[in-house]
Amino acid sequence: MTDPATTARVPDNPVRDLPLHDLAGFTHRWVDAGGVRLHAVEGGQPNGPAVVLLAGFPQTWWAWRKVMPGLADRFHVIAIDLPGQGHSERPDGSYDTHTVAAYVHAAVQALGVSTYWLAAHDIGAWVAFSLALKYESRLRGLALLDAGIPGITLPDTIPTDPEVAWKTWHFAFHLVPDLPETLLTGREREYVGWFLKAKTLASDTFDDAEIEQYAAAITADGGLRASLAYYRDAAESARKNHEALEQRHLTVPVLGISSSHGSIPDMAASIRPWADNTTGIVVPDAGHFIPDEQPDAVAAALAGFIAESD
C-alpha cells in the first residue's frame, strides 16, 4: 500500500485522503476524461491487445487485482475506477450509464488506446453495455460478468421470495431519496461487509483489510452519493439503452460470464436477444464476485475469448 502522505502528493489524484494500493508491475495513472479525472491502473504489454477492466458496487479497480497478473504476459491491461469509484473524481450530475460510458471511453483514448477489449462486472457491466452501444467501432469484444443490466437483464420487479430477494433487495433501497444516506453514513463498513460476505460462495473470500479498503473508498469525498447515483439513474440508463437498441443490435463478440452461485444464472441467454454474436460460460465454485473468487478461471476465460474472437 502506498503511504497516505505519498497519496496526498500525487497532483492529479482527486481523492487524496484515500490511501493508494499498489499492484506489482502496474502503474497508477490519472487522465482527463471529458472534464472528469479518472484513475487507471496500467501494466502488462504496451504493444499487446488492450484489455480494459471495470468493477462494480461496492468495489474499485482492486476487484481485478488477482486477474490482472494473469493477463499481463499477453495483454496491455488497464483497470479503471468509474466516476465516483476509488480514486476517480466524484462529479455532480448524471450517473446514467451512457454518460459514464463517455467518460470511460475518453479515459481509454487519453491513455493512447484506440481499440480495446472490455470486461466488466456488476455496475461496471452496466456501463460496459452502454459503452458498446455508443462506441462499438472501437471495441474488439465485450465480456460481461454477473450483472443485472438496466433495461436488459435487470428484472422490472424486485422478488419478494426470501430465497432470492436478498440478491436484489438493495436496488429498491438505493432508489429511496435520502434514507440510505441517513442509515448508512457512519456504517459503511458494515454495509459493504454484508455484500462482500453474503454474495460470495465462501464468506471468507474477503478479509477484514479488504472490507475496510472498500468501505473507505465509499466513505471518501462523496463516494456514497456517487454509488447510489448509479441506481437512482438506472431508469435513465434503461431508457437510453432501449433507445439505442431500437436503431441496431450489437455485432461485436460478447461473452457472458455467469457463476454457479451468482445473481444471473445465464448471462449469455439474457444478452443474446440484443447481441448477434454471444457466447457464454459458467464459472464453478463462485458467487457474485467472480474475479475475486475464481480469478484464474476469469483470466483464462478472457484470454480464450480474445483468442477465439481475433
C-alpha atoms as a PDB file:
ATOM      1  CA  MET A   1       0.000   0.000   0.000  1.00  0.00           C
ATOM      2  CA  THR A   2       1.216   3.496  -0.834  1.00  0.00           C
ATOM      3  CA  ASP A   3       1.792   5.746   2.160  1.00  0.00           C
ATOM      4  CA  PRO A   4      -1.057   8.274   2.635  1.00  0.00           C
ATOM      5  CA  ALA A   5       1.464  11.109   2.524  1.00  0.00           C
ATOM      6  CA  THR A   6       2.551   9.923  -0.914  1.00  0.00           C
ATOM      7  CA  THR A   7      -1.102   9.757  -1.974  1.00  0.00           C
ATOM      8  CA  ALA A   8      -1.566  13.385  -0.992  1.00  0.00           C
ATOM      9  CA  ARG A   9       1.432  14.415  -3.112  1.00  0.00           C
ATOM     10  CA  VAL A  10       0.042  12.906  -6.344  1.00  0.00           C
ATOM     11  CA  PRO A  11      -1.117  16.123  -8.016  1.00  0.00           C
ATOM     12  CA  ASP A  12      -3.735  14.559 -10.294  1.00  0.00           C
ATOM     13  CA  ASN A  13      -5.378  12.454  -7.591  1.00  0.00           C
ATOM     14  CA  PRO A  14      -8.825  13.921  -6.764  1.00  0.00           C
ATOM     15  CA  VAL A  15      -9.348  11.669  -3.699  1.00  0.00           C
ATOM     16  CA  ARG A  16      -6.275  12.443  -1.635  1.00  0.00           C
ATOM     17  CA  ASP A  17      -7.480  11.217   1.736  1.00  0.00           C
ATOM     18  CA  LEU A  18      -7.809   7.655   0.437  1.00  0.00           C
ATOM     19  CA  PRO A  19      -4.637   5.518   0.513  1.00  0.00           C
ATOM     20  CA  LEU A  20      -3.421   4.115  -2.798  1.00  0.00           C
ATOM     21  CA  HIS A  21      -2.878   0.391  -3.110  1.00  0.00           C
ATOM     22  CA  ASP A  22      -0.147  -0.794  -5.445  1.00  0.00           C
ATOM     23  CA  LEU A  23      -0.019  -3.909  -7.611  1.00  0.00           C
ATOM     24  CA  ALA A  24       3.384  -5.195  -8.699  1.00  0.00           C
ATOM     25  CA  GLY A  25       4.074  -4.467 -12.357  1.00  0.00           C
ATOM     26  CA  PHE A  26       1.297  -1.887 -12.645  1.00  0.00           C
ATOM     27  CA  THR A  27       1.282   1.916 -12.519  1.00  0.00           C
ATOM     28  CA  HIS A  28      -1.289   4.408 -11.242  1.00  0.00           C
ATOM     29  CA  ARG A  29      -2.450   6.934 -13.834  1.00  0.00           C
ATOM     30  CA  TRP A  30      -4.956   9.790 -13.833  1.00  0.00           C
ATOM     31  CA  VAL A  31      -6.395  11.190 -17.056  1.00  0.00           C
ATOM     32  CA  ASP A  32      -8.769  13.947 -18.045  1.00  0.00           C
ATOM     33  CA  ALA A  33     -11.808  12.094 -19.391  1.00  0.00           C
ATOM     34  CA  GLY A  34     -14.112  14.712 -20.852  1.00  0.00           C
ATOM     35  CA  GLY A  35     -13.667  17.040 -17.890  1.00  0.00           C
ATOM     36  CA  VAL A  36     -13.671  14.328 -15.190  1.00  0.00           C
ATOM     37  CA  ARG A  37     -10.425  12.924 -13.768  1.00  0.00           C
ATOM     38  CA  LEU A  38     -10.457   9.146 -13.805  1.00  0.00           C
ATOM     39  CA  HIS A  39      -7.984   6.816 -12.139  1.00  0.00           C
ATOM     40  CA  ALA A  40      -6.485   3.940 -14.131  1.00  0.00           C
ATOM     41  CA  VAL A  41      -4.040   1.201 -13.186  1.00  0.00           C
ATOM     42  CA  GLU A  42      -1.985   0.139 -16.200  1.00  0.00           C
ATOM     43  CA  GLY A  43       0.528  -2.613 -16.918  1.00  0.00           C
ATOM     44  CA  GLY A  44       1.323  -5.650 -18.995  1.00  0.00           C
ATOM     45  CA  GLN A  45       2.466  -5.496 -22.622  1.00  0.00           C
ATOM     46  CA  PRO A  46       2.351  -1.941 -24.029  1.00  0.00           C
ATOM     47  CA  ASN A  47       2.149  -3.256 -27.585  1.00  0.00           C
ATOM     48  CA  GLY A  48      -0.254  -6.097 -26.841  1.00  0.00           C
ATOM     49  CA  PRO A  49      -4.032  -6.083 -27.323  1.00  0.00           C
ATOM     50  CA  ALA A  50      -5.601  -3.710 -24.803  1.00  0.00           C
ATOM     51  CA  VAL A  51      -7.975  -5.161 -22.203  1.00  0.00           C
ATOM     52  CA  VAL A  52      -9.955  -2.646 -20.130  1.00  0.00           C
ATOM     53  CA  LEU A  53     -11.491  -3.794 -16.839  1.00  0.00           C
ATOM     54  CA  LEU A  54     -14.386  -2.178 -14.944  1.00  0.00           C
ATOM     55  CA  ALA A  55     -15.604  -3.116 -11.453  1.00  0.00           C
ATOM     56  CA  GLY A  56     -18.951  -2.609  -9.730  1.00  0.00           C
ATOM     57  CA  PHE A  57     -20.540  -1.916  -6.348  1.00  0.00           C
ATOM     58  CA  PRO A  58     -19.164  -1.799  -3.682  1.00  0.00           C
ATOM     59  CA  GLN A  59     -15.691  -2.255  -5.191  1.00  0.00           C
ATOM     60  CA  THR A  60     -12.948  -0.388  -7.068  1.00  0.00           C
ATOM     61  CA  TRP A  61     -10.326  -1.384  -9.654  1.00  0.00           C
ATOM     62  CA  TRP A  62      -8.820  -3.527  -6.866  1.00  0.00           C
ATOM     63  CA  ALA A  63     -11.515  -6.124  -7.639  1.00  0.00           C
ATOM     64  CA  TRP A  64      -9.366  -7.160 -10.614  1.00  0.00           C
ATOM     65  CA  ARG A  65      -6.061  -7.374  -8.732  1.00  0.00           C
ATOM     66  CA  LYS A  66      -5.942 -11.192  -8.895  1.00  0.00           C
ATOM     67  CA  VAL A  67      -6.935 -11.331 -12.575  1.00  0.00           C
ATOM     68  CA  MET A  68      -4.591  -8.641 -13.894  1.00  0.00           C
ATOM     69  CA  PRO A  69      -1.302 -10.531 -13.402  1.00  0.00           C
ATOM     70  CA  GLY A  70      -2.774 -13.487 -15.299  1.00  0.00           C
ATOM     71  CA  LEU A  71      -3.398 -11.248 -18.315  1.00  0.00           C
ATOM     72  CA  ALA A  72      -0.238  -9.142 -18.130  1.00  0.00           C
ATOM     73  CA  ASP A  73       2.057 -11.519 -20.032  1.00  0.00           C
ATOM     74  CA  ARG A  74      -0.032 -11.212 -23.218  1.00  0.00           C
ATOM     75  CA  PHE A  75      -2.094  -8.055 -22.965  1.00  0.00           C
ATOM     76  CA  HIS A  76      -1.965  -4.341 -22.259  1.00  0.00           C
ATOM     77  CA  VAL A  77      -4.094  -4.336 -19.112  1.00  0.00           C
ATOM     78  CA  ILE A  78      -5.962  -1.260 -17.870  1.00  0.00           C
ATOM     79  CA  ALA A  79      -8.281  -1.273 -14.855  1.00  0.00           C
ATOM     80  CA  ILE A  80     -10.298   1.925 -14.486  1.00  0.00           C
ATOM     81  CA  ASP A  81     -12.165   3.319 -11.486  1.00  0.00           C
ATOM     82  CA  LEU A  82     -15.567   4.527 -12.664  1.00  0.00           C
ATOM     83  CA  PRO A  83     -16.580   8.099 -11.826  1.00  0.00           C
ATOM     84  CA  GLY A  84     -17.328   8.153  -8.098  1.00  0.00           C
ATOM     85  CA  GLN A  85     -15.356   4.976  -7.501  1.00  0.00           C
ATOM     86  CA  GLY A  86     -11.967   4.539  -5.822  1.00  0.00           C
ATOM     87  CA  HIS A  87      -9.550   7.314  -6.771  1.00  0.00           C
ATOM     88  CA  SER A  88     -11.656   8.734  -9.600  1.00  0.00           C
ATOM     89  CA  GLU A  89     -13.416  12.073  -9.323  1.00  0.00           C
ATOM     90  CA  ARG A  90     -16.967  12.121  -7.929  1.00  0.00           C
ATOM     91  CA  PRO A  91     -18.687  14.565 -10.305  1.00  0.00           C
ATOM     92  CA  ASP A  92     -22.077  16.149  -9.797  1.00  0.00           C
ATOM     93  CA  GLY A  93     -24.665  15.460 -12.461  1.00  0.00           C
ATOM     94  CA  SER A  94     -25.977  12.300 -14.037  1.00  0.00           C
ATOM     95  CA  TYR A  95     -24.560   8.831 -13.448  1.00  0.00           C
ATOM     96  CA  ASP A  96     -26.654   7.199 -16.151  1.00  0.00           C
ATOM     97  CA  THR A  97     -24.543   4.609 -17.904  1.00  0.00           C
ATOM     98  CA  HIS A  98     -24.371   6.367 -21.271  1.00  0.00           C
ATOM     99  CA  THR A  99     -22.979   9.497 -19.636  1.00  0.00           C
ATOM    100  CA  VAL A 100     -20.498   7.434 -17.625  1.00  0.00           C
ATOM    101  CA  ALA A 101     -19.580   5.356 -20.690  1.00  0.00           C
ATOM    102  CA  ALA A 102     -18.488   8.530 -22.466  1.00  0.00           C
ATOM    103  CA  TYR A 103     -16.135   9.326 -19.587  1.00  0.00           C
ATOM    104  CA  VAL A 104     -14.679   5.818 -19.563  1.00  0.00           C
ATOM    105  CA  HIS A 105     -14.125   5.762 -23.317  1.00  0.00           C
ATOM    106  CA  ALA A 106     -12.490   9.209 -23.150  1.00  0.00           C
ATOM    107  CA  ALA A 107     -10.157   7.883 -20.442  1.00  0.00           C
ATOM    108  CA  VAL A 108      -9.104   4.934 -22.605  1.00  0.00           C
ATOM    109  CA  GLN A 109      -8.450   7.243 -25.531  1.00  0.00           C
ATOM    110  CA  ALA A 110      -6.455   9.581 -23.282  1.00  0.00           C
ATOM    111  CA  LEU A 111      -4.241   6.627 -22.371  1.00  0.00           C
ATOM    112  CA  GLY A 112      -3.377   6.270 -26.050  1.00  0.00           C
ATOM    113  CA  VAL A 113      -5.556   3.224 -26.763  1.00  0.00           C
ATOM    114  CA  SER A 114      -7.664   3.368 -29.928  1.00  0.00           C
ATOM    115  CA  THR A 115      -9.313  -0.077 -29.888  1.00  0.00           C
ATOM    116  CA  TYR A 116      -9.744  -2.445 -26.970  1.00  0.00           C
ATOM    117  CA  TRP A 117     -11.426  -5.439 -25.364  1.00  0.00           C
ATOM    118  CA  LEU A 118     -13.721  -4.576 -22.476  1.00  0.00           C
ATOM    119  CA  ALA A 119     -14.511  -6.800 -19.481  1.00  0.00           C
ATOM    120  CA  ALA A 120     -16.788  -5.637 -16.688  1.00  0.00           C
ATOM    121  CA  HIS A 121     -18.606  -6.842 -13.580  1.00  0.00           C
ATOM    122  CA  ASP A 122     -21.771  -5.665 -11.810  1.00  0.00           C
ATOM    123  CA  ILE A 123     -22.306  -1.897 -12.299  1.00  0.00           C
ATOM    124  CA  GLY A 124     -19.177  -1.908 -14.430  1.00  0.00           C
ATOM    125  CA  ALA A 125     -21.109  -4.194 -16.801  1.00  0.00           C
ATOM    126  CA  TRP A 126     -23.972  -1.677 -16.862  1.00  0.00           C
ATOM    127  CA  VAL A 127     -21.511   0.921 -18.123  1.00  0.00           C
ATOM    128  CA  ALA A 128     -19.777  -1.515 -20.481  1.00  0.00           C
ATOM    129  CA  PHE A 129     -23.004  -2.485 -22.236  1.00  0.00           C
ATOM    130  CA  SER A 130     -23.894   1.160 -22.845  1.00  0.00           C
ATOM    131  CA  LEU A 131     -20.330   1.888 -23.956  1.00  0.00           C
ATOM    132  CA  ALA A 132     -20.604  -0.878 -26.530  1.00  0.00           C
ATOM    133  CA  LEU A 133     -23.798   0.681 -27.868  1.00  0.00           C
ATOM    134  CA  LYS A 134     -22.116   4.090 -28.193  1.00  0.00           C
ATOM    135  CA  TYR A 135     -18.602   3.129 -29.302  1.00  0.00           C
ATOM    136  CA  GLU A 136     -18.903  -0.330 -30.854  1.00  0.00           C
ATOM    137  CA  SER A 137     -16.500   0.545 -33.661  1.00  0.00           C
ATOM    138  CA  ARG A 138     -13.734   0.993 -31.063  1.00  0.00           C
ATOM    139  CA  LEU A 139     -14.429  -2.287 -29.276  1.00  0.00           C
ATOM    140  CA  ARG A 140     -12.965  -5.629 -30.297  1.00  0.00           C
ATOM    141  CA  GLY A 141     -15.061  -7.627 -27.865  1.00  0.00           C
ATOM    142  CA  LEU A 142     -17.131  -7.352 -24.695  1.00  0.00           C
ATOM    143  CA  ALA A 143     -17.235  -9.637 -21.636  1.00  0.00           C
ATOM    144  CA  LEU A 144     -19.968  -9.100 -19.037  1.00  0.00           C
ATOM    145  CA  LEU A 145     -19.861 -10.758 -15.611  1.00  0.00           C
ATOM    146  CA  ASP A 146     -22.942 -11.467 -13.446  1.00  0.00           C
ATOM    147  CA  ALA A 147     -24.870  -8.226 -13.790  1.00  0.00           C
ATOM    148  CA  GLY A 148     -28.499  -7.196 -13.970  1.00  0.00           C
ATOM    149  CA  ILE A 149     -28.124  -4.504 -16.657  1.00  0.00           C
ATOM    150  CA  PRO A 150     -30.804  -1.759 -16.677  1.00  0.00           C
ATOM    151  CA  GLY A 151     -33.354  -2.436 -19.376  1.00  0.00           C
ATOM    152  CA  ILE A 152     -31.554  -5.601 -20.462  1.00  0.00           C
ATOM    153  CA  THR A 153     -31.075  -8.225 -17.739  1.00  0.00           C
ATOM    154  CA  LEU A 154     -32.306  -6.298 -14.696  1.00  0.00           C
ATOM    155  CA  PRO A 155     -35.769  -7.512 -13.657  1.00  0.00           C
ATOM    156  CA  ASP A 156     -38.571  -4.973 -13.760  1.00  0.00           C
ATOM    157  CA  THR A 157     -39.756  -6.062 -10.323  1.00  0.00           C
ATOM    158  CA  ILE A 158     -37.858  -6.995  -7.191  1.00  0.00           C
ATOM    159  CA  PRO A 159     -38.716 -10.536  -5.995  1.00  0.00           C
ATOM    160  CA  THR A 160     -40.223 -10.971  -2.550  1.00  0.00           C
ATOM    161  CA  ASP A 161     -39.391 -14.651  -2.073  1.00  0.00           C
ATOM    162  CA  PRO A 162     -36.824 -14.664   0.773  1.00  0.00           C
ATOM    163  CA  GLU A 163     -34.827 -17.360  -1.024  1.00  0.00           C
ATOM    164  CA  VAL A 164     -33.912 -14.916  -3.809  1.00  0.00           C
ATOM    165  CA  ALA A 165     -34.874 -11.444  -2.557  1.00  0.00           C
ATOM    166  CA  TRP A 166     -31.574 -10.986  -0.697  1.00  0.00           C
ATOM    167  CA  LYS A 167     -29.764 -10.814  -4.045  1.00  0.00           C
ATOM    168  CA  THR A 168     -31.654  -7.768  -5.353  1.00  0.00           C
ATOM    169  CA  TRP A 169     -33.378  -6.010  -2.415  1.00  0.00           C
ATOM    170  CA  HIS A 170     -30.844  -3.154  -2.447  1.00  0.00           C
ATOM    171  CA  PHE A 171     -31.910  -1.917  -5.886  1.00  0.00           C
ATOM    172  CA  ALA A 172     -35.131  -0.503  -4.424  1.00  0.00           C
ATOM    173  CA  PHE A 173     -33.462   0.680  -1.205  1.00  0.00           C
ATOM    174  CA  HIS A 174     -30.844   2.688  -3.102  1.00  0.00           C
ATOM    175  CA  LEU A 175     -33.579   4.477  -5.046  1.00  0.00           C
ATOM    176  CA  VAL A 176     -35.200   5.972  -1.942  1.00  0.00           C
ATOM    177  CA  PRO A 177     -34.235   9.655  -1.596  1.00  0.00           C
ATOM    178  CA  ASP A 178     -32.063  10.494   1.434  1.00  0.00           C
ATOM    179  CA  LEU A 179     -32.904   7.449   3.561  1.00  0.00           C
ATOM    180  CA  PRO A 180     -29.895   5.309   2.511  1.00  0.00           C
ATOM    181  CA  GLU A 181     -27.531   8.174   3.296  1.00  0.00           C
ATOM    182  CA  THR A 182     -29.169   8.665   6.693  1.00  0.00           C
ATOM    183  CA  LEU A 183     -28.918   4.986   7.610  1.00  0.00           C
ATOM    184  CA  LEU A 184     -25.523   4.210   6.062  1.00  0.00           C
ATOM    185  CA  THR A 185     -23.387   7.203   6.970  1.00  0.00           C
ATOM    186  CA  GLY A 186     -21.009   6.018   9.658  1.00  0.00           C
ATOM    187  CA  ARG A 187     -21.962   2.396   8.975  1.00  0.00           C
ATOM    188  CA  GLU A 188     -20.333   1.985   5.566  1.00  0.00           C
ATOM    189  CA  ARG A 189     -18.083  -0.823   6.762  1.00  0.00           C
ATOM    190  CA  GLU A 190     -20.991  -2.938   7.993  1.00  0.00           C
ATOM    191  CA  TYR A 191     -22.912  -2.356   4.767  1.00  0.00           C
ATOM    192  CA  VAL A 192     -20.015  -3.121   2.447  1.00  0.00           C
ATOM    193  CA  GLY A 193     -19.087  -6.135   4.532  1.00  0.00           C
ATOM    194  CA  TRP A 194     -22.573  -7.595   4.172  1.00  0.00           C
ATOM    195  CA  PHE A 195     -22.357  -7.552   0.355  1.00  0.00           C
ATOM    196  CA  LEU A 196     -18.861  -8.997   0.242  1.00  0.00           C
ATOM    197  CA  LYS A 197     -19.697 -11.825   2.636  1.00  0.00           C
ATOM    198  CA  ALA A 198     -23.294 -12.618   1.685  1.00  0.00           C
ATOM    199  CA  LYS A 199     -22.764 -12.652  -2.077  1.00  0.00           C
ATOM    200  CA  THR A 200     -19.681 -14.864  -2.173  1.00  0.00           C
ATOM    201  CA  LEU A 201     -19.862 -18.631  -2.123  1.00  0.00           C
ATOM    202  CA  ALA A 202     -17.160 -18.711   0.573  1.00  0.00           C
ATOM    203  CA  SER A 203     -17.836 -15.989   3.144  1.00  0.00           C
ATOM    204  CA  ASP A 204     -14.125 -15.640   3.949  1.00  0.00           C
ATOM    205  CA  THR A 205     -13.219 -14.593   0.373  1.00  0.00           C
ATOM    206  CA  PHE A 206     -12.641 -11.026   1.596  1.00  0.00           C
ATOM    207  CA  ASP A 207     -10.569 -10.377   4.697  1.00  0.00           C
ATOM    208  CA  ASP A 208     -11.107  -7.519   7.126  1.00  0.00           C
ATOM    209  CA  ALA A 209      -8.479  -5.330   5.435  1.00  0.00           C
ATOM    210  CA  GLU A 210     -10.219  -5.587   2.059  1.00  0.00           C
ATOM    211  CA  ILE A 211     -13.600  -4.797   3.574  1.00  0.00           C
ATOM    212  CA  GLU A 212     -12.082  -1.748   5.267  1.00  0.00           C
ATOM    213  CA  GLN A 213     -10.472  -0.697   1.981  1.00  0.00           C
ATOM    214  CA  TYR A 214     -13.721  -0.793   0.003  1.00  0.00           C
ATOM    215  CA  ALA A 215     -15.667   0.883   2.804  1.00  0.00           C
ATOM    216  CA  ALA A 216     -13.086   3.672   2.948  1.00  0.00           C
ATOM    217  CA  ALA A 217     -13.473   4.271  -0.797  1.00  0.00           C
ATOM    218  CA  ILE A 218     -17.240   4.656  -0.457  1.00  0.00           C
ATOM    219  CA  THR A 219     -16.858   6.906   2.580  1.00  0.00           C
ATOM    220  CA  ALA A 220     -14.303   9.244   0.976  1.00  0.00           C
ATOM    221  CA  ASP A 221     -15.312  12.509  -0.664  1.00  0.00           C
ATOM    222  CA  GLY A 222     -18.878  11.772  -1.714  1.00  0.00           C
ATOM    223  CA  GLY A 223     -18.338   8.142  -2.654  1.00  0.00           C
ATOM    224  CA  LEU A 224     -21.634   7.036  -1.101  1.00  0.00           C
ATOM    225  CA  ARG A 225     -23.568   9.696  -3.017  1.00  0.00           C
ATOM    226  CA  ALA A 226     -21.947   8.604  -6.266  1.00  0.00           C
ATOM    227  CA  SER A 227     -22.505   4.896  -5.594  1.00  0.00           C
ATOM    228  CA  LEU A 228     -26.215   5.450  -5.007  1.00  0.00           C
ATOM    229  CA  ALA A 229     -26.475   7.696  -8.072  1.00  0.00           C
ATOM    230  CA  TYR A 230     -25.875   4.747 -10.422  1.00  0.00           C
ATOM    231  CA  TYR A 231     -29.010   3.090  -9.050  1.00  0.00           C
ATOM    232  CA  ARG A 232     -31.011   6.315  -8.941  1.00  0.00           C
ATOM    233  CA  ASP A 233     -30.227   6.948 -12.613  1.00  0.00           C
ATOM    234  CA  ALA A 234     -30.851   3.326 -13.666  1.00  0.00           C
ATOM    235  CA  ALA A 235     -34.219   4.157 -15.258  1.00  0.00           C
ATOM    236  CA  GLU A 236     -32.497   6.724 -17.486  1.00  0.00           C
ATOM    237  CA  SER A 237     -29.813   4.153 -18.296  1.00  0.00           C
ATOM    238  CA  ALA A 238     -32.501   1.672 -19.318  1.00  0.00           C
ATOM    239  CA  ARG A 239     -34.292   4.255 -21.454  1.00  0.00           C
ATOM    240  CA  LYS A 240     -31.105   5.167 -23.318  1.00  0.00           C
ATOM    241  CA  ASN A 241     -30.201   1.511 -23.789  1.00  0.00           C
ATOM    242  CA  HIS A 242     -33.555   0.766 -25.409  1.00  0.00           C
ATOM    243  CA  GLU A 243     -33.381   3.918 -27.486  1.00  0.00           C
ATOM    244  CA  ALA A 244     -30.028   2.795 -28.884  1.00  0.00           C
ATOM    245  CA  LEU A 245     -31.189  -0.796 -29.416  1.00  0.00           C
ATOM    246  CA  GLU A 246     -34.127   0.423 -31.485  1.00  0.00           C
ATOM    247  CA  GLN A 247     -31.529   1.520 -34.040  1.00  0.00           C
ATOM    248  CA  ARG A 248     -29.368  -1.623 -34.069  1.00  0.00           C
ATOM    249  CA  HIS A 249     -28.175  -4.578 -32.021  1.00  0.00           C
ATOM    250  CA  LEU A 250     -24.596  -5.261 -31.003  1.00  0.00           C
ATOM    251  CA  THR A 251     -22.452  -7.094 -33.551  1.00  0.00           C
ATOM    252  CA  VAL A 252     -19.193  -7.110 -31.580  1.00  0.00           C
ATOM    253  CA  PRO A 253     -18.363 -10.501 -29.975  1.00  0.00           C
ATOM    254  CA  VAL A 254     -19.910 -10.747 -26.495  1.00  0.00           C
ATOM    255  CA  LEU A 255     -19.046 -13.210 -23.737  1.00  0.00           C
ATOM    256  CA  GLY A 256     -21.489 -13.638 -20.872  1.00  0.00           C
ATOM    257  CA  ILE A 257     -19.783 -14.941 -17.730  1.00  0.00           C
ATOM    258  CA  SER A 258     -22.067 -16.415 -15.093  1.00  0.00           C
ATOM    259  CA  SER A 259     -21.183 -18.331 -11.952  1.00  0.00           C
ATOM    260  CA  SER A 260     -22.550 -21.360 -10.180  1.00  0.00           C
ATOM    261  CA  HIS A 261     -23.973 -19.284  -7.313  1.00  0.00           C
ATOM    262  CA  GLY A 262     -24.283 -15.807  -8.809  1.00  0.00           C
ATOM    263  CA  SER A 263     -27.159 -13.412  -9.408  1.00  0.00           C
ATOM    264  CA  ILE A 264     -27.809 -14.037 -13.132  1.00  0.00           C
ATOM    265  CA  PRO A 265     -27.891 -17.775 -13.915  1.00  0.00           C
ATOM    266  CA  ASP A 266     -27.201 -17.344 -17.643  1.00  0.00           C
ATOM    267  CA  MET A 267     -25.699 -14.026 -18.712  1.00  0.00           C
ATOM    268  CA  ALA A 268     -25.349 -15.117 -22.330  1.00  0.00           C
ATOM    269  CA  ALA A 269     -29.017 -16.063 -22.682  1.00  0.00           C
ATOM    270  CA  SER A 270     -30.143 -12.754 -21.211  1.00  0.00           C
ATOM    271  CA  ILE A 271     -27.874 -10.751 -23.533  1.00  0.00           C
ATOM    272  CA  ARG A 272     -28.365 -12.803 -26.721  1.00  0.00           C
ATOM    273  CA  PRO A 273     -31.599 -11.033 -27.814  1.00  0.00           C
ATOM    274  CA  TRP A 274     -29.597  -7.800 -28.043  1.00  0.00           C
ATOM    275  CA  ALA A 275     -26.282  -9.066 -29.434  1.00  0.00           C
ATOM    276  CA  ASP A 276     -25.760 -11.102 -32.596  1.00  0.00           C
ATOM    277  CA  ASN A 277     -22.537 -12.865 -31.593  1.00  0.00           C
ATOM    278  CA  THR A 278     -22.883 -14.051 -27.999  1.00  0.00           C
ATOM    279  CA  THR A 279     -21.335 -16.987 -26.185  1.00  0.00           C
ATOM    280  CA  GLY A 280     -21.390 -17.876 -22.514  1.00  0.00           C
ATOM    281  CA  ILE A 281     -19.648 -19.778 -19.765  1.00  0.00           C
ATOM    282  CA  VAL A 282     -20.453 -20.640 -16.162  1.00  0.00           C
ATOM    283  CA  VAL A 283     -17.607 -20.406 -13.646  1.00  0.00           C
ATOM    284  CA  PRO A 284     -17.956 -23.120 -10.980  1.00  0.00           C
ATOM    285  CA  ASP A 285     -17.496 -22.623  -7.247  1.00  0.00           C
ATOM    286  CA  ALA A 286     -18.200 -18.892  -7.244  1.00  0.00           C
ATOM    287  CA  GLY A 287     -20.846 -16.447  -6.103  1.00  0.00           C
ATOM    288  CA  HIS A 288     -21.386 -12.925  -7.384  1.00  0.00           C
ATOM    289  CA  PHE A 289     -17.809 -11.653  -7.003  1.00  0.00           C
ATOM    290  CA  ILE A 290     -16.324 -13.935  -9.662  1.00  0.00           C
ATOM    291  CA  PRO A 291     -12.996 -12.084 -10.245  1.00  0.00           C
ATOM    292  CA  ASP A 292     -12.186 -12.356  -6.525  1.00  0.00           C
ATOM    293  CA  GLU A 293     -13.468 -15.891  -6.070  1.00  0.00           C
ATOM    294  CA  GLN A 294     -12.096 -17.563  -9.218  1.00  0.00           C
ATOM    295  CA  PRO A 295      -9.507 -15.178 -10.718  1.00  0.00           C
ATOM    296  CA  ASP A 296      -7.596 -17.836 -12.666  1.00  0.00           C
ATOM    297  CA  ALA A 297     -10.792 -19.028 -14.325  1.00  0.00           C
ATOM    298  CA  VAL A 298     -11.746 -15.466 -15.233  1.00  0.00           C
ATOM    299  CA  ALA A 299      -8.292 -14.707 -16.684  1.00  0.00           C
ATOM    300  CA  ALA A 300      -8.390 -17.928 -18.701  1.00  0.00           C
ATOM    301  CA  ALA A 301     -11.907 -17.199 -19.950  1.00  0.00           C
ATOM    302  CA  LEU A 302     -10.951 -13.697 -21.089  1.00  0.00           C
ATOM    303  CA  ALA A 303      -7.755 -14.897 -22.791  1.00  0.00           C
ATOM    304  CA  GLY A 304      -9.660 -17.690 -24.546  1.00  0.00           C
ATOM    305  CA  PHE A 305     -12.426 -15.328 -25.630  1.00  0.00           C
ATOM    306  CA  ILE A 306      -9.898 -12.941 -27.155  1.00  0.00           C
ATOM    307  CA  ALA A 307      -8.012 -15.762 -28.909  1.00  0.00           C
ATOM    308  CA  GLU A 308     -11.211 -17.238 -30.366  1.00  0.00           C
ATOM    309  CA  SER A 309     -12.606 -13.875 -31.468  1.00  0.00           C
ATOM    310  CA  ASP A 310      -9.439 -12.471 -33.030  1.00  0.00           C
END
